[in-house]
PDB file of N, CA and C in Angstrom:
ATOM      1  N   MET A   1       0.819  -1.194   0.000  1.00  0.00           N
ATOM      2  CA  MET A   1       0.000   0.000   0.000  1.00  0.00           C
ATOM      3  C   MET A   1       0.869   1.266   0.000  1.00  0.00           C
ATOM      4  N   MET A   2       2.107   1.158   0.425  1.00  0.00           N
ATOM      5  CA  MET A   2       2.948   2.346   0.574  1.00  0.00           C
ATOM      6  C   MET A   2       3.826   2.600  -0.651  1.00  0.00           C
ATOM      7  N   LEU A   3       3.389   2.251  -1.817  1.00  0.00           N
ATOM      8  CA  LEU A   3       4.261   2.346  -2.979  1.00  0.00           C
ATOM      9  C   LEU A   3       4.332   3.723  -3.617  1.00  0.00           C
ATOM     10  N   THR A   4       3.377   4.589  -3.375  1.00  0.00           N
ATOM     11  CA  THR A   4       3.385   5.899  -4.024  1.00  0.00           C
ATOM     12  C   THR A   4       3.033   7.001  -3.040  1.00  0.00           C
ATOM     13  N   GLU A   5       3.311   8.235  -3.443  1.00  0.00           N
ATOM     14  CA  GLU A   5       2.897   9.374  -2.613  1.00  0.00           C
ATOM     15  C   GLU A   5       1.380   9.423  -2.505  1.00  0.00           C
ATOM     16  N   ARG A   6       0.698   9.035  -3.551  1.00  0.00           N
ATOM     17  CA  ARG A   6      -0.763   9.004  -3.495  1.00  0.00           C
ATOM     18  C   ARG A   6      -1.215   8.028  -2.416  1.00  0.00           C
ATOM     19  N   ALA A   7      -0.476   6.941  -2.297  1.00  0.00           N
ATOM     20  CA  ALA A   7      -0.802   5.961  -1.264  1.00  0.00           C
ATOM     21  C   ALA A   7      -0.657   6.577   0.122  1.00  0.00           C
ATOM     22  N   THR A   8       0.334   7.452   0.289  1.00  0.00           N
ATOM     23  CA  THR A   8       0.522   8.122   1.577  1.00  0.00           C
ATOM     24  C   THR A   8      -0.732   8.897   1.948  1.00  0.00           C
ATOM     25  N   CYS A   9      -1.275   9.600   1.005  1.00  0.00           N
ATOM     26  CA  CYS A   9      -2.506  10.366   1.223  1.00  0.00           C
ATOM     27  C   CYS A   9      -3.665   9.425   1.556  1.00  0.00           C
ATOM     28  N   LYS A  10      -3.750   8.330   0.821  1.00  0.00           N
ATOM     29  CA  LYS A  10      -4.835   7.377   1.033  1.00  0.00           C
ATOM     30  C   LYS A  10      -4.717   6.704   2.405  1.00  0.00           C
ATOM     31  N   ILE A  11      -3.498   6.332   2.776  1.00  0.00           N
ATOM     32  CA  ILE A  11      -3.275   5.725   4.087  1.00  0.00           C
ATOM     33  C   ILE A  11      -3.704   6.692   5.185  1.00  0.00           C
ATOM     34  N   ALA A  12      -3.277   7.938   5.063  1.00  0.00           N
ATOM     35  CA  ALA A  12      -3.629   8.957   6.056  1.00  0.00           C
ATOM     36  C   ALA A  12      -5.143   9.103   6.170  1.00  0.00           C
ATOM     37  N   SER A  13      -5.799   9.134   5.043  1.00  0.00           N
ATOM     38  CA  SER A  13      -7.250   9.280   5.028  1.00  0.00           C
ATOM     39  C   SER A  13      -7.938   8.082   5.682  1.00  0.00           C
ATOM     40  N   MET A  14      -7.478   6.886   5.354  1.00  0.00           N
ATOM     41  CA  MET A  14      -8.080   5.671   5.901  1.00  0.00           C
ATOM     42  C   MET A  14      -7.905   5.576   7.415  1.00  0.00           C
ATOM     43  N   LEU A  15      -6.773   6.072   7.921  1.00  0.00           N
ATOM     44  CA  LEU A  15      -6.475   5.965   9.349  1.00  0.00           C
ATOM     45  C   LEU A  15      -6.838   7.217  10.134  1.00  0.00           C
ATOM     46  N   TYR A  16      -7.368   8.216   9.430  1.00  0.00           N
ATOM     47  CA  TYR A  16      -7.740   9.497  10.048  1.00  0.00           C
ATOM     48  C   TYR A  16      -6.553  10.147  10.761  1.00  0.00           C
ATOM     49  N   ILE A  17      -5.408  10.135  10.071  1.00  0.00           N
ATOM     50  CA  ILE A  17      -4.204  10.794  10.571  1.00  0.00           C
ATOM     51  C   ILE A  17      -3.656  11.681   9.465  1.00  0.00           C
ATOM     52  N   SER A  18      -2.694  12.523   9.800  1.00  0.00           N
ATOM     53  CA  SER A  18      -2.141  13.424   8.789  1.00  0.00           C
ATOM     54  C   SER A  18      -1.134  12.692   7.905  1.00  0.00           C
ATOM     55  N   GLU A  19      -0.898  13.254   6.722  1.00  0.00           N
ATOM     56  CA  GLU A  19       0.108  12.699   5.820  1.00  0.00           C
ATOM     57  C   GLU A  19       1.488  12.753   6.463  1.00  0.00           C
ATOM     58  N   ASN A  20       1.739  13.798   7.251  1.00  0.00           N
ATOM     59  CA  ASN A  20       3.034  13.907   7.928  1.00  0.00           C
ATOM     60  C   ASN A  20       3.241  12.766   8.921  1.00  0.00           C
ATOM     61  N   THR A  21       2.182  12.325   9.561  1.00  0.00           N
ATOM     62  CA  THR A  21       2.286  11.199  10.488  1.00  0.00           C
ATOM     63  C   THR A  21       2.649   9.931   9.730  1.00  0.00           C
ATOM     64  N   VAL A  22       2.025   9.721   8.594  1.00  0.00           N
ATOM     65  CA  VAL A  22       2.346   8.555   7.762  1.00  0.00           C
ATOM     66  C   VAL A  22       3.806   8.627   7.320  1.00  0.00           C
ATOM     67  N   LYS A  23       4.234   9.798   6.870  1.00  0.00           N
ATOM     68  CA  LYS A  23       5.622   9.963   6.429  1.00  0.00           C
ATOM     69  C   LYS A  23       6.593   9.690   7.569  1.00  0.00           C
ATOM     70  N   HIS A  24       6.241  10.144   8.768  1.00  0.00           N
ATOM     71  CA  HIS A  24       7.091   9.907   9.938  1.00  0.00           C
ATOM     72  C   HIS A  24       7.246   8.407  10.197  1.00  0.00           C
ATOM     73  N   HIS A  25       6.139   7.684  10.162  1.00  0.00           N
ATOM     74  CA  HIS A  25       6.190   6.249  10.426  1.00  0.00           C
ATOM     75  C   HIS A  25       6.954   5.513   9.326  1.00  0.00           C
ATOM     76  N   LYS A  26       6.785   5.948   8.079  1.00  0.00           N
ATOM     77  CA  LYS A  26       7.553   5.345   6.989  1.00  0.00           C
ATOM     78  C   LYS A  26       9.048   5.550   7.217  1.00  0.00           C
ATOM     79  N   LYS A  27       9.419   6.746   7.633  1.00  0.00           N
ATOM     80  CA  LYS A  27      10.829   7.052   7.902  1.00  0.00           C
ATOM     81  C   LYS A  27      11.374   6.137   8.993  1.00  0.00           C
ATOM     82  N   LYS A  28      10.598   5.938  10.057  1.00  0.00           N
ATOM     83  CA  LYS A  28      11.023   5.068  11.153  1.00  0.00           C
ATOM     84  C   LYS A  28      11.155   3.612  10.696  1.00  0.00           C
ATOM     85  N   ILE A  29      10.260   3.173   9.836  1.00  0.00           N
ATOM     86  CA  ILE A  29      10.347   1.816   9.283  1.00  0.00           C
ATOM     87  C   ILE A  29      11.629   1.674   8.477  1.00  0.00           C
ATOM     88  N   TYR A  30      11.925   2.656   7.630  1.00  0.00           N
ATOM     89  CA  TYR A  30      13.156   2.626   6.835  1.00  0.00           C
ATOM     90  C   TYR A  30      14.375   2.543   7.738  1.00  0.00           C
ATOM     91  N   GLU A  31      14.390   3.336   8.806  1.00  0.00           N
ATOM     92  CA  GLU A  31      15.523   3.326   9.737  1.00  0.00           C
ATOM     93  C   GLU A  31      15.702   1.951  10.371  1.00  0.00           C
ATOM     94  N   LYS A  32      14.611   1.334  10.783  1.00  0.00           N
ATOM     95  CA  LYS A  32      14.696   0.023  11.427  1.00  0.00           C
ATOM     96  C   LYS A  32      15.150  -1.058  10.456  1.00  0.00           C
ATOM     97  N   LEU A  33      14.757  -0.921   9.195  1.00  0.00           N
ATOM     98  CA  LEU A  33      15.173  -1.898   8.190  1.00  0.00           C
ATOM     99  C   LEU A  33      16.564  -1.604   7.646  1.00  0.00           C
ATOM    100  N   GLY A  34      17.053  -0.396   7.876  1.00  0.00           N
ATOM    101  CA  GLY A  34      18.356   0.000   7.360  1.00  0.00           C
ATOM    102  C   GLY A  34      18.334   0.300   5.877  1.00  0.00           C
ATOM    103  N   VAL A  35      17.214   0.869   5.407  1.00  0.00           N
ATOM    104  CA  VAL A  35      17.061   1.210   3.988  1.00  0.00           C
ATOM    105  C   VAL A  35      16.747   2.695   3.853  1.00  0.00           C
ATOM    106  N   ASN A  36      16.772   3.171   2.603  1.00  0.00           N
ATOM    107  CA  ASN A  36      16.551   4.595   2.351  1.00  0.00           C
ATOM    108  C   ASN A  36      15.321   4.903   1.509  1.00  0.00           C
ATOM    109  N   CYS A  37      14.714   3.874   0.923  1.00  0.00           N
ATOM    110  CA  CYS A  37      13.564   4.134   0.050  1.00  0.00           C
ATOM    111  C   CYS A  37      12.630   2.925   0.038  1.00  0.00           C
ATOM    112  N   MET A  38      11.460   3.128  -0.515  1.00  0.00           N
ATOM    113  CA  MET A  38      10.447   2.083  -0.560  1.00  0.00           C
ATOM    114  C   MET A  38      10.922   0.862  -1.341  1.00  0.00           C
ATOM    115  N   GLU A  39      11.617   1.087  -2.456  1.00  0.00           N
ATOM    116  CA  GLU A  39      12.098  -0.023  -3.268  1.00  0.00           C
ATOM    117  C   GLU A  39      13.025  -0.923  -2.456  1.00  0.00           C
ATOM    118  N   ASP A  40      13.923  -0.310  -1.689  1.00  0.00           N
ATOM    119  CA  ASP A  40      14.834  -1.082  -0.844  1.00  0.00           C
ATOM    120  C   ASP A  40      14.074  -1.815   0.257  1.00  0.00           C
ATOM    121  N   ALA A  41      13.058  -1.180   0.812  1.00  0.00           N
ATOM    122  CA  ALA A  41      12.257  -1.810   1.861  1.00  0.00           C
ATOM    123  C   ALA A  41      11.533  -3.037   1.315  1.00  0.00           C
ATOM    124  N   ILE A  42      11.003  -2.920   0.117  1.00  0.00           N
ATOM    125  CA  ILE A  42      10.309  -4.048  -0.514  1.00  0.00           C
ATOM    126  C   ILE A  42      11.293  -5.177  -0.792  1.00  0.00           C
ATOM    127  N   PHE A  43      12.468  -4.830  -1.326  1.00  0.00           N
ATOM    128  CA  PHE A  43      13.508  -5.820  -1.603  1.00  0.00           C
ATOM    129  C   PHE A  43      13.900  -6.547  -0.314  1.00  0.00           C
ATOM    130  N   TYR A  44      14.125  -5.801   0.745  1.00  0.00           N
ATOM    131  CA  TYR A  44      14.481  -6.364   2.048  1.00  0.00           C
ATOM    132  C   TYR A  44      13.382  -7.314   2.533  1.00  0.00           C
ATOM    133  N   ALA A  45      12.146  -6.874   2.448  1.00  0.00           N
ATOM    134  CA  ALA A  45      11.024  -7.686   2.917  1.00  0.00           C
ATOM    135  C   ALA A  45      10.910  -8.986   2.127  1.00  0.00           C
ATOM    136  N   LYS A  46      11.166  -8.931   0.827  1.00  0.00           N
ATOM    137  CA  LYS A  46      11.108 -10.145   0.005  1.00  0.00           C
ATOM    138  C   LYS A  46      12.228 -11.106   0.377  1.00  0.00           C
ATOM    139  N   ILE A  47      13.430 -10.574   0.586  1.00  0.00           N
ATOM    140  CA  ILE A  47      14.571 -11.415   0.961  1.00  0.00           C
ATOM    141  C   ILE A  47      14.316 -12.112   2.298  1.00  0.00           C
ATOM    142  N   LYS A  48      13.716 -11.406   3.229  1.00  0.00           N
ATOM    143  CA  LYS A  48      13.438 -11.946   4.566  1.00  0.00           C
ATOM    144  C   LYS A  48      12.115 -12.711   4.629  1.00  0.00           C
ATOM    145  N   ASN A  49      11.474 -12.900   3.467  1.00  0.00           N
ATOM    146  CA  ASN A  49      10.185 -13.599   3.385  1.00  0.00           C
ATOM    147  C   ASN A  49       9.112 -12.970   4.262  1.00  0.00           C
ATOM    148  N   LEU A  50       9.127 -11.643   4.337  1.00  0.00           N
ATOM    149  CA  LEU A  50       8.104 -10.929   5.090  1.00  0.00           C
ATOM    150  C   LEU A  50       6.869 -10.660   4.238  1.00  0.00           C
ATOM    151  N   ILE A  51       7.076 -10.668   2.923  1.00  0.00           N
ATOM    152  CA  ILE A  51       5.939 -10.503   2.001  1.00  0.00           C
ATOM    153  C   ILE A  51       6.046 -11.519   0.893  1.00  0.00           C
TER     154      ILE A  51
END
């Protein structure tokens, strides 16, 4: 669901939170995974069989 900026808006709307909150959580996820972008996060998740 987090593949595009449009998705960020949609996620925020669905959860009744601001887009900045979604961006903050995405940033924290990237930090924990040790990646810098969504593509790297997806690659990491596939390697670890998380998705």
